[in-house]
Structure formats: C-alpha cells, structure tokens
Amino acid sequence: MKRILNIIKSYFKGRRFLLVSSTMLYILSAALAMLPAKLLQLTIDEGFIKANVSALLFFIALLFIAYILKALFTYISNRGLIEIGNGLLK
C-alpha cells in the first residue's frame, strides 16, 4: 500500500497544477449547472409574465452563455482528469 501511495505522490509532484485546475474547473462547472434554473425563473418572471422583450432576450443570452461556459469547463476538466488517470495507469 505504501508503494502505491509513493507512486501516486511522485506522479502528482510534477502535475499539481493540472490536478488543481481540473478539480477547480469541475467544481465551477457544477456550480454553473445550478445557474440555468435561476435564469429560467427570471426569464419567465421578467420576460414572459411582465411582457418585457428586452429582459427576455437578455436572460436567454445569459442562458446561452451559461450553457456554453459549463460545456467548456466540463470538457477542459474532463481532459485534465483523464490525462491524470491515464498517467497513473502507465
């Protein structure tokens, strides 16, 4: 068991930035997953119920940006975590 821990420890010494950045991006993408629910609520309340077209377009644009950022952060995080996992298997 100690040998395995030493292998993992030595592997992460040179890849600490990759591990931290991938983990942070994963957490950020999880936080961004909660944002569309609130934006949908605001879109319905401010855009549809109050018949405010400019607010409707604004919140739809924010939804689009939130989904794009979540996809981007998830993709980058997954690539980093896959690289880490594959490196440990070598």
PDB file of N, CA and C in Angstrom:
ATOM      1  N   MET A   1       0.826  -1.198   0.000  1.00  0.00           N
ATOM      2  CA  MET A   1       0.000   0.000   0.000  1.00  0.00           C
ATOM      3  C   MET A   1       0.864   1.254   0.000  1.00  0.00           C
ATOM      4  N   LYS A   2       1.946   1.211   0.779  1.00  0.00           N
ATOM      5  CA  LYS A   2       2.832   2.365   0.859  1.00  0.00           C
ATOM      6  C   LYS A   2       3.504   2.623  -0.491  1.00  0.00           C
ATOM      7  N   ARG A   3       3.807   1.556  -1.202  1.00  0.00           N
ATOM      8  CA  ARG A   3       4.442   1.680  -2.524  1.00  0.00           C
ATOM      9  C   ARG A   3       3.501   2.395  -3.498  1.00  0.00           C
ATOM     10  N   ILE A   4       2.236   2.029  -3.452  1.00  0.00           N
ATOM     11  CA  ILE A   4       1.248   2.662  -4.338  1.00  0.00           C
ATOM     12  C   ILE A   4       1.111   4.148  -4.013  1.00  0.00           C
ATOM     13  N   LEU A   5       1.070   4.473  -2.731  1.00  0.00           N
ATOM     14  CA  LEU A   5       0.975   5.877  -2.334  1.00  0.00           C
ATOM     15  C   LEU A   5       2.207   6.668  -2.783  1.00  0.00           C
ATOM     16  N   ASN A   6       3.373   6.059  -2.719  1.00  0.00           N
ATOM     17  CA  ASN A   6       4.587   6.732  -3.188  1.00  0.00           C
ATOM     18  C   ASN A   6       4.549   6.962  -4.696  1.00  0.00           C
ATOM     19  N   ILE A   7       4.031   6.016  -5.443  1.00  0.00           N
ATOM     20  CA  ILE A   7       3.907   6.174  -6.899  1.00  0.00           C
ATOM     21  C   ILE A   7       2.954   7.327  -7.210  1.00  0.00           C
ATOM     22  N   ILE A   8       1.823   7.360  -6.534  1.00  0.00           N
ATOM     23  CA  ILE A   8       0.841   8.433  -6.764  1.00  0.00           C
ATOM     24  C   ILE A   8       1.424   9.778  -6.366  1.00  0.00           C
ATOM     25  N   LYS A   9       2.104   9.819  -5.223  1.00  0.00           N
ATOM     26  CA  LYS A   9       2.705  11.066  -4.755  1.00  0.00           C
ATOM     27  C   LYS A   9       3.756  11.580  -5.734  1.00  0.00           C
ATOM     28  N   SER A  10       4.605  10.706  -6.220  1.00  0.00           N
ATOM     29  CA  SER A  10       5.645  11.126  -7.160  1.00  0.00           C
ATOM     30  C   SER A  10       5.041  11.553  -8.495  1.00  0.00           C
ATOM     31  N   TYR A  11       3.947  10.936  -8.898  1.00  0.00           N
ATOM     32  CA  TYR A  11       3.295  11.323 -10.155  1.00  0.00           C
ATOM     33  C   TYR A  11       2.704  12.718 -10.057  1.00  0.00           C
ATOM     34  N   PHE A  12       2.093  13.045  -8.925  1.00  0.00           N
ATOM     35  CA  PHE A  12       1.433  14.336  -8.773  1.00  0.00           C
ATOM     36  C   PHE A  12       2.387  15.489  -8.500  1.00  0.00           C
ATOM     37  N   LYS A  13       3.635  15.212  -8.156  1.00  0.00           N
ATOM     38  CA  LYS A  13       4.578  16.304  -7.888  1.00  0.00           C
ATOM     39  C   LYS A  13       4.727  17.222  -9.089  1.00  0.00           C
ATOM     40  N   GLY A  14       4.845  16.669 -10.268  1.00  0.00           N
ATOM     41  CA  GLY A  14       5.017  17.484 -11.463  1.00  0.00           C
ATOM     42  C   GLY A  14       3.715  17.922 -12.095  1.00  0.00           C
ATOM     43  N   ARG A  15       2.601  17.397 -11.609  1.00  0.00           N
ATOM     44  CA  ARG A  15       1.311  17.685 -12.223  1.00  0.00           C
ATOM     45  C   ARG A  15       0.325  18.304 -11.232  1.00  0.00           C
ATOM     46  N   ARG A  16       0.815  18.976 -10.264  1.00  0.00           N
ATOM     47  CA  ARG A  16      -0.043  19.582  -9.248  1.00  0.00           C
ATOM     48  C   ARG A  16      -0.984  20.619  -9.848  1.00  0.00           C
ATOM     49  N   PHE A  17      -0.451  21.438 -10.778  1.00  0.00           N
ATOM     50  CA  PHE A  17      -1.277  22.463 -11.412  1.00  0.00           C
ATOM     51  C   PHE A  17      -2.427  21.824 -12.197  1.00  0.00           C
ATOM     52  N   LEU A  18      -2.138  20.740 -12.916  1.00  0.00           N
ATOM     53  CA  LEU A  18      -3.167  20.048 -13.693  1.00  0.00           C
ATOM     54  C   LEU A  18      -4.252  19.493 -12.783  1.00  0.00           C
ATOM     55  N   LEU A  19      -3.862  18.914 -11.673  1.00  0.00           N
ATOM     56  CA  LEU A  19      -4.826  18.359 -10.724  1.00  0.00           C
ATOM     57  C   LEU A  19      -5.692  19.461 -10.117  1.00  0.00           C
ATOM     58  N   VAL A  20      -5.061  20.542  -9.663  1.00  0.00           N
ATOM     59  CA  VAL A  20      -5.810  21.621  -9.019  1.00  0.00           C
ATOM     60  C   VAL A  20      -6.720  22.317 -10.025  1.00  0.00           C
ATOM     61  N   SER A  21      -6.201  22.625 -11.210  1.00  0.00           N
ATOM     62  CA  SER A  21      -7.019  23.335 -12.198  1.00  0.00           C
ATOM     63  C   SER A  21      -8.177  22.470 -12.682  1.00  0.00           C
ATOM     64  N   SER A  22      -7.939  21.186 -12.888  1.00  0.00           N
ATOM     65  CA  SER A  22      -9.028  20.297 -13.319  1.00  0.00           C
ATOM     66  C   SER A  22     -10.105  20.184 -12.244  1.00  0.00           C
ATOM     67  N   THR A  23      -9.689  20.087 -11.012  1.00  0.00           N
ATOM     68  CA  THR A  23     -10.646  19.994  -9.914  1.00  0.00           C
ATOM     69  C   THR A  23     -11.443  21.288  -9.770  1.00  0.00           C
ATOM     70  N   MET A  24     -10.777  22.421  -9.865  1.00  0.00           N
ATOM     71  CA  MET A  24     -11.471  23.708  -9.753  1.00  0.00           C
ATOM     72  C   MET A  24     -12.455  23.904 -10.909  1.00  0.00           C
ATOM     73  N   LEU A  25     -12.058  23.537 -12.122  1.00  0.00           N
ATOM     74  CA  LEU A  25     -12.968  23.656 -13.261  1.00  0.00           C
ATOM     75  C   LEU A  25     -14.165  22.723 -13.115  1.00  0.00           C
ATOM     76  N   TYR A  26     -13.936  21.554 -12.541  1.00  0.00           N
ATOM     77  CA  TYR A  26     -15.041  20.622 -12.301  1.00  0.00           C
ATOM     78  C   TYR A  26     -16.033  21.214 -11.300  1.00  0.00           C
ATOM     79  N   ILE A  27     -15.528  21.811 -10.238  1.00  0.00           N
ATOM     80  CA  ILE A  27     -16.392  22.448  -9.236  1.00  0.00           C
ATOM     81  C   ILE A  27     -17.127  23.634  -9.850  1.00  0.00           C
ATOM     82  N   LEU A  28     -16.427  24.413 -10.660  1.00  0.00           N
ATOM     83  CA  LEU A  28     -17.044  25.559 -11.316  1.00  0.00           C
ATOM     84  C   LEU A  28     -18.137  25.127 -12.285  1.00  0.00           C
ATOM     85  N   SER A  29     -17.907  24.049 -13.017  1.00  0.00           N
ATOM     86  CA  SER A  29     -18.944  23.572 -13.941  1.00  0.00           C
ATOM     87  C   SER A  29     -20.147  23.044 -13.175  1.00  0.00           C
ATOM     88  N   ALA A  30     -19.929  22.454 -12.011  1.00  0.00           N
ATOM     89  CA  ALA A  30     -21.049  22.005 -11.178  1.00  0.00           C
ATOM     90  C   ALA A  30     -21.849  23.197 -10.654  1.00  0.00           C
ATOM     91  N   ALA A  31     -21.150  24.268 -10.293  1.00  0.00           N
ATOM     92  CA  ALA A  31     -21.844  25.483  -9.851  1.00  0.00           C
ATOM     93  C   ALA A  31     -22.615  26.112 -11.004  1.00  0.00           C
ATOM     94  N   LEU A  32     -22.035  26.089 -12.192  1.00  0.00           N
ATOM     95  CA  LEU A  32     -22.730  26.631 -13.356  1.00  0.00           C
ATOM     96  C   LEU A  32     -23.952  25.802 -13.731  1.00  0.00           C
ATOM     97  N   ALA A  33     -23.994  24.557 -13.327  1.00  0.00           N
ATOM     98  CA  ALA A  33     -25.153  23.711 -13.611  1.00  0.00           C
ATOM     99  C   ALA A  33     -26.386  24.196 -12.851  1.00  0.00           C
ATOM    100  N   MET A  34     -26.190  24.893 -11.741  1.00  0.00           N
ATOM    101  CA  MET A  34     -27.311  25.416 -10.965  1.00  0.00           C
ATOM    102  C   MET A  34     -27.831  26.741 -11.507  1.00  0.00           C
ATOM    103  N   LEU A  35     -27.023  27.447 -12.250  1.00  0.00           N
ATOM    104  CA  LEU A  35     -27.383  28.782 -12.740  1.00  0.00           C
ATOM    105  C   LEU A  35     -28.573  28.789 -13.704  1.00  0.00           C
ATOM    106  N   PRO A  36     -28.688  27.856 -14.650  1.00  0.00           N
ATOM    107  CA  PRO A  36     -29.822  27.916 -15.587  1.00  0.00           C
ATOM    108  C   PRO A  36     -31.194  27.862 -14.923  1.00  0.00           C
ATOM    109  N   ALA A  37     -31.337  27.171 -13.808  1.00  0.00           N
ATOM    110  CA  ALA A  37     -32.637  27.124 -13.128  1.00  0.00           C
ATOM    111  C   ALA A  37     -33.063  28.519 -12.681  1.00  0.00           C
ATOM    112  N   LYS A  38     -32.145  29.249 -12.102  1.00  0.00           N
ATOM    113  CA  LYS A  38     -32.455  30.618 -11.665  1.00  0.00           C
ATOM    114  C   LYS A  38     -32.704  31.533 -12.860  1.00  0.00           C
ATOM    115  N   LEU A  39     -31.906  31.359 -13.913  1.00  0.00           N
ATOM    116  CA  LEU A  39     -32.094  32.182 -15.105  1.00  0.00           C
ATOM    117  C   LEU A  39     -33.430  31.887 -15.784  1.00  0.00           C
ATOM    118  N   LEU A  40     -33.848  30.633 -15.760  1.00  0.00           N
ATOM    119  CA  LEU A  40     -35.164  30.297 -16.322  1.00  0.00           C
ATOM    120  C   LEU A  40     -36.289  30.942 -15.522  1.00  0.00           C
ATOM    121  N   GLN A  41     -36.132  30.942 -14.216  1.00  0.00           N
ATOM    122  CA  GLN A  41     -37.132  31.595 -13.372  1.00  0.00           C
ATOM    123  C   GLN A  41     -37.218  33.078 -13.707  1.00  0.00           C
ATOM    124  N   LEU A  42     -36.072  33.735 -13.825  1.00  0.00           N
ATOM    125  CA  LEU A  42     -36.066  35.155 -14.154  1.00  0.00           C
ATOM    126  C   LEU A  42     -36.597  35.415 -15.560  1.00  0.00           C
ATOM    127  N   THR A  43     -36.303  34.504 -16.484  1.00  0.00           N
ATOM    128  CA  THR A  43     -36.808  34.649 -17.847  1.00  0.00           C
ATOM    129  C   THR A  43     -38.334  34.614 -17.858  1.00  0.00           C
ATOM    130  N   ILE A  44     -38.896  33.691 -17.114  1.00  0.00           N
ATOM    131  CA  ILE A  44     -40.359  33.589 -17.065  1.00  0.00           C
ATOM    132  C   ILE A  44     -40.961  34.774 -16.323  1.00  0.00           C
ATOM    133  N   ASP A  45     -40.392  35.114 -15.166  1.00  0.00           N
ATOM    134  CA  ASP A  45     -40.950  36.201 -14.361  1.00  0.00           C
ATOM    135  C   ASP A  45     -40.818  37.562 -15.044  1.00  0.00           C
ATOM    136  N   GLU A  46     -39.621  37.869 -15.487  1.00  0.00           N
ATOM    137  CA  GLU A  46     -39.359  39.202 -16.038  1.00  0.00           C
ATOM    138  C   GLU A  46     -39.699  39.311 -17.523  1.00  0.00           C
ATOM    139  N   GLY A  47     -39.517  38.219 -18.260  1.00  0.00           N
ATOM    140  CA  GLY A  47     -39.725  38.278 -19.702  1.00  0.00           C
ATOM    141  C   GLY A  47     -41.138  37.976 -20.129  1.00  0.00           C
ATOM    142  N   PHE A  48     -41.651  36.823 -19.727  1.00  0.00           N
ATOM    143  CA  PHE A  48     -42.970  36.413 -20.183  1.00  0.00           C
ATOM    144  C   PHE A  48     -44.106  37.055 -19.394  1.00  0.00           C
ATOM    145  N   ILE A  49     -44.038  36.995 -18.081  1.00  0.00           N
ATOM    146  CA  ILE A  49     -45.145  37.499 -17.266  1.00  0.00           C
ATOM    147  C   ILE A  49     -45.283  39.012 -17.393  1.00  0.00           C
ATOM    148  N   LYS A  50     -44.165  39.722 -17.374  1.00  0.00           N
ATOM    149  CA  LYS A  50     -44.215  41.185 -17.497  1.00  0.00           C
ATOM    150  C   LYS A  50     -44.175  41.648 -18.948  1.00  0.00           C
ATOM    151  N   ALA A  51     -44.108  40.716 -19.882  1.00  0.00           N
ATOM    152  CA  ALA A  51     -44.082  41.002 -21.330  1.00  0.00           C
ATOM    153  C   ALA A  51     -42.977  41.991 -21.686  1.00  0.00           C
ATOM    154  N   ASN A  52     -41.798  41.758 -21.129  1.00  0.00           N
ATOM    155  CA  ASN A  52     -40.641  42.613 -21.379  1.00  0.00           C
ATOM    156  C   ASN A  52     -39.707  41.880 -22.340  1.00  0.00           C
ATOM    157  N   VAL A  53     -39.753  42.278 -23.611  1.00  0.00           N
ATOM    158  CA  VAL A  53     -38.984  41.582 -24.638  1.00  0.00           C
ATOM    159  C   VAL A  53     -37.482  41.756 -24.432  1.00  0.00           C
ATOM    160  N   SER A  54     -37.042  42.932 -24.034  1.00  0.00           N
ATOM    161  CA  SER A  54     -35.607  43.147 -23.843  1.00  0.00           C
ATOM    162  C   SER A  54     -35.071  42.295 -22.688  1.00  0.00           C
ATOM    163  N   ALA A  55     -35.828  42.162 -21.604  1.00  0.00           N
ATOM    164  CA  ALA A  55     -35.417  41.301 -20.489  1.00  0.00           C
ATOM    165  C   ALA A  55     -35.417  39.845 -20.930  1.00  0.00           C
ATOM    166  N   LEU A  56     -36.398  39.474 -21.732  1.00  0.00           N
ATOM    167  CA  LEU A  56     -36.472  38.110 -22.238  1.00  0.00           C
ATOM    168  C   LEU A  56     -35.236  37.766 -23.062  1.00  0.00           C
ATOM    169  N   LEU A  57     -34.862  38.646 -23.965  1.00  0.00           N
ATOM    170  CA  LEU A  57     -33.677  38.419 -24.795  1.00  0.00           C
ATOM    171  C   LEU A  57     -32.400  38.408 -23.961  1.00  0.00           C
ATOM    172  N   PHE A  58     -32.333  39.279 -22.960  1.00  0.00           N
ATOM    173  CA  PHE A  58     -31.165  39.343 -22.094  1.00  0.00           C
ATOM    174  C   PHE A  58     -30.971  38.029 -21.333  1.00  0.00           C
ATOM    175  N   PHE A  59     -32.048  37.510 -20.737  1.00  0.00           N
ATOM    176  CA  PHE A  59     -31.928  36.277 -19.963  1.00  0.00           C
ATOM    177  C   PHE A  59     -31.689  35.063 -20.853  1.00  0.00           C
ATOM    178  N   ILE A  60     -32.233  35.087 -22.062  1.00  0.00           N
ATOM    179  CA  ILE A  60     -31.948  33.996 -22.998  1.00  0.00           C
ATOM    180  C   ILE A  60     -30.471  34.021 -23.388  1.00  0.00           C
ATOM    181  N   ALA A  61     -29.901  35.200 -23.591  1.00  0.00           N
ATOM    182  CA  ALA A  61     -28.472  35.313 -23.895  1.00  0.00           C
ATOM    183  C   ALA A  61     -27.628  34.825 -22.720  1.00  0.00           C
ATOM    184  N   LEU A  62     -28.036  35.168 -21.507  1.00  0.00           N
ATOM    185  CA  LEU A  62     -27.312  34.686 -20.322  1.00  0.00           C
ATOM    186  C   LEU A  62     -27.394  33.162 -20.210  1.00  0.00           C
ATOM    187  N   LEU A  63     -28.553  32.598 -20.523  1.00  0.00           N
ATOM    188  CA  LEU A  63     -28.689  31.142 -20.511  1.00  0.00           C
ATOM    189  C   LEU A  63     -27.744  30.501 -21.521  1.00  0.00           C
ATOM    190  N   PHE A  64     -27.676  31.070 -22.695  1.00  0.00           N
ATOM    191  CA  PHE A  64     -26.794  30.556 -23.738  1.00  0.00           C
ATOM    192  C   PHE A  64     -25.337  30.593 -23.272  1.00  0.00           C
ATOM    193  N   ILE A  65     -24.935  31.706 -22.699  1.00  0.00           N
ATOM    194  CA  ILE A  65     -23.557  31.858 -22.209  1.00  0.00           C
ATOM    195  C   ILE A  65     -23.280  30.862 -21.077  1.00  0.00           C
ATOM    196  N   ALA A  66     -24.233  30.688 -20.168  1.00  0.00           N
ATOM    197  CA  ALA A  66     -24.049  29.758 -19.049  1.00  0.00           C
ATOM    198  C   ALA A  66     -23.874  28.327 -19.554  1.00  0.00           C
ATOM    199  N   TYR A  67     -24.683  27.926 -20.546  1.00  0.00           N
ATOM    200  CA  TYR A  67     -24.564  26.565 -21.078  1.00  0.00           C
ATOM    201  C   TYR A  67     -23.240  26.369 -21.821  1.00  0.00           C
ATOM    202  N   ILE A  68     -22.811  27.378 -22.563  1.00  0.00           N
ATOM    203  CA  ILE A  68     -21.536  27.283 -23.287  1.00  0.00           C
ATOM    204  C   ILE A  68     -20.368  27.189 -22.302  1.00  0.00           C
ATOM    205  N   LEU A  69     -20.370  28.036 -21.275  1.00  0.00           N
ATOM    206  CA  LEU A  69     -19.296  28.006 -20.279  1.00  0.00           C
ATOM    207  C   LEU A  69     -19.270  26.678 -19.526  1.00  0.00           C
ATOM    208  N   LYS A  70     -20.441  26.161 -19.168  1.00  0.00           N
ATOM    209  CA  LYS A  70     -20.494  24.880 -18.467  1.00  0.00           C
ATOM    210  C   LYS A  70     -19.919  23.771 -19.340  1.00  0.00           C
ATOM    211  N   ALA A  71     -20.285  23.763 -20.602  1.00  0.00           N
ATOM    212  CA  ALA A  71     -19.762  22.737 -21.505  1.00  0.00           C
ATOM    213  C   ALA A  71     -18.248  22.862 -21.663  1.00  0.00           C
ATOM    214  N   LEU A  72     -17.767  24.083 -21.795  1.00  0.00           N
ATOM    215  CA  LEU A  72     -16.338  24.321 -21.950  1.00  0.00           C
ATOM    216  C   LEU A  72     -15.561  23.889 -20.707  1.00  0.00           C
ATOM    217  N   PHE A  73     -16.040  24.303 -19.530  1.00  0.00           N
ATOM    218  CA  PHE A  73     -15.363  23.943 -18.287  1.00  0.00           C
ATOM    219  C   PHE A  73     -15.382  22.435 -18.059  1.00  0.00           C
ATOM    220  N   THR A  74     -16.500  21.792 -18.378  1.00  0.00           N
ATOM    221  CA  THR A  74     -16.594  20.347 -18.220  1.00  0.00           C
ATOM    222  C   THR A  74     -15.633  19.635 -19.156  1.00  0.00           C
ATOM    223  N   TYR A  75     -15.561  20.099 -20.391  1.00  0.00           N
ATOM    224  CA  TYR A  75     -14.661  19.483 -21.371  1.00  0.00           C
ATOM    225  C   TYR A  75     -13.198  19.595 -20.929  1.00  0.00           C
ATOM    226  N   ILE A  76     -12.781  20.797 -20.539  1.00  0.00           N
ATOM    227  CA  ILE A  76     -11.392  21.009 -20.123  1.00  0.00           C
ATOM    228  C   ILE A  76     -11.077  20.198 -18.860  1.00  0.00           C
ATOM    229  N   SER A  77     -12.004  20.196 -17.920  1.00  0.00           N
ATOM    230  CA  SER A  77     -11.803  19.442 -16.683  1.00  0.00           C
ATOM    231  C   SER A  77     -11.692  17.950 -16.964  1.00  0.00           C
ATOM    232  N   ASN A  78     -12.574  17.443 -17.812  1.00  0.00           N
ATOM    233  CA  ASN A  78     -12.537  16.010 -18.133  1.00  0.00           C
ATOM    234  C   ASN A  78     -11.241  15.634 -18.835  1.00  0.00           C
ATOM    235  N   ARG A  79     -10.755  16.472 -19.726  1.00  0.00           N
ATOM    236  CA  ARG A  79      -9.486  16.178 -20.397  1.00  0.00           C
ATOM    237  C   ARG A  79      -8.345  16.099 -19.387  1.00  0.00           C
ATOM    238  N   GLY A  80      -8.316  17.044 -18.458  1.00  0.00           N
ATOM    239  CA  GLY A  80      -7.264  17.020 -17.438  1.00  0.00           C
ATOM    240  C   GLY A  80      -7.353  15.812 -16.540  1.00  0.00           C
ATOM    241  N   LEU A  81      -8.552  15.484 -16.096  1.00  0.00           N
ATOM    242  CA  LEU A  81      -8.719  14.338 -15.208  1.00  0.00           C
ATOM    243  C   LEU A  81      -8.443  13.021 -15.924  1.00  0.00           C
ATOM    244  N   ILE A  82      -8.792  12.939 -17.209  1.00  0.00           N
ATOM    245  CA  ILE A  82      -8.475  11.738 -17.985  1.00  0.00           C
ATOM    246  C   ILE A  82      -6.972  11.599 -18.151  1.00  0.00           C
ATOM    247  N   GLU A  83      -6.287  12.727 -18.406  1.00  0.00           N
ATOM    248  CA  GLU A  83      -4.830  12.697 -18.515  1.00  0.00           C
ATOM    249  C   GLU A  83      -4.187  12.217 -17.220  1.00  0.00           C
ATOM    250  N   ILE A  84      -4.709  12.685 -16.112  1.00  0.00           N
ATOM    251  CA  ILE A  84      -4.178  12.250 -14.812  1.00  0.00           C
ATOM    252  C   ILE A  84      -4.419  10.753 -14.614  1.00  0.00           C
ATOM    253  N   GLY A  85      -5.640  10.294 -14.908  1.00  0.00           N
ATOM    254  CA  GLY A  85      -5.956   8.879 -14.747  1.00  0.00           C
ATOM    255  C   GLY A  85      -5.126   7.985 -15.641  1.00  0.00           C
ATOM    256  N   ASN A  86      -4.942   8.401 -16.896  1.00  0.00           N
ATOM    257  CA  ASN A  86      -4.134   7.605 -17.809  1.00  0.00           C
ATOM    258  C   ASN A  86      -2.665   7.577 -17.376  1.00  0.00           C
ATOM    259  N   GLY A  87      -2.193   8.683 -16.847  1.00  0.00           N
ATOM    260  CA  GLY A  87      -0.806   8.727 -16.369  1.00  0.00           C
ATOM    261  C   GLY A  87      -0.574   7.803 -15.184  1.00  0.00           C
ATOM    262  N   LEU A  88      -1.582   7.668 -14.344  1.00  0.00           N
ATOM    263  CA  LEU A  88      -1.442   6.774 -13.189  1.00  0.00           C
ATOM    264  C   LEU A  88      -1.436   5.303 -13.608  1.00  0.00           C
ATOM    265  N   LEU A  89      -2.069   4.997 -14.742  1.00  0.00           N
ATOM    266  CA  LEU A  89      -2.146   3.608 -15.189  1.00  0.00           C
ATOM    267  C   LEU A  89      -0.889   3.138 -15.926  1.00  0.00           C
ATOM    268  N   LYS A  90      -0.033   4.077 -16.313  1.00  0.00           N
ATOM    269  CA  LYS A  90       1.190   3.707 -17.050  1.00  0.00           C
ATOM    270  C   LYS A  90       2.173   2.987 -16.167  1.00  0.00           C
TER     271      LYS A  90
END
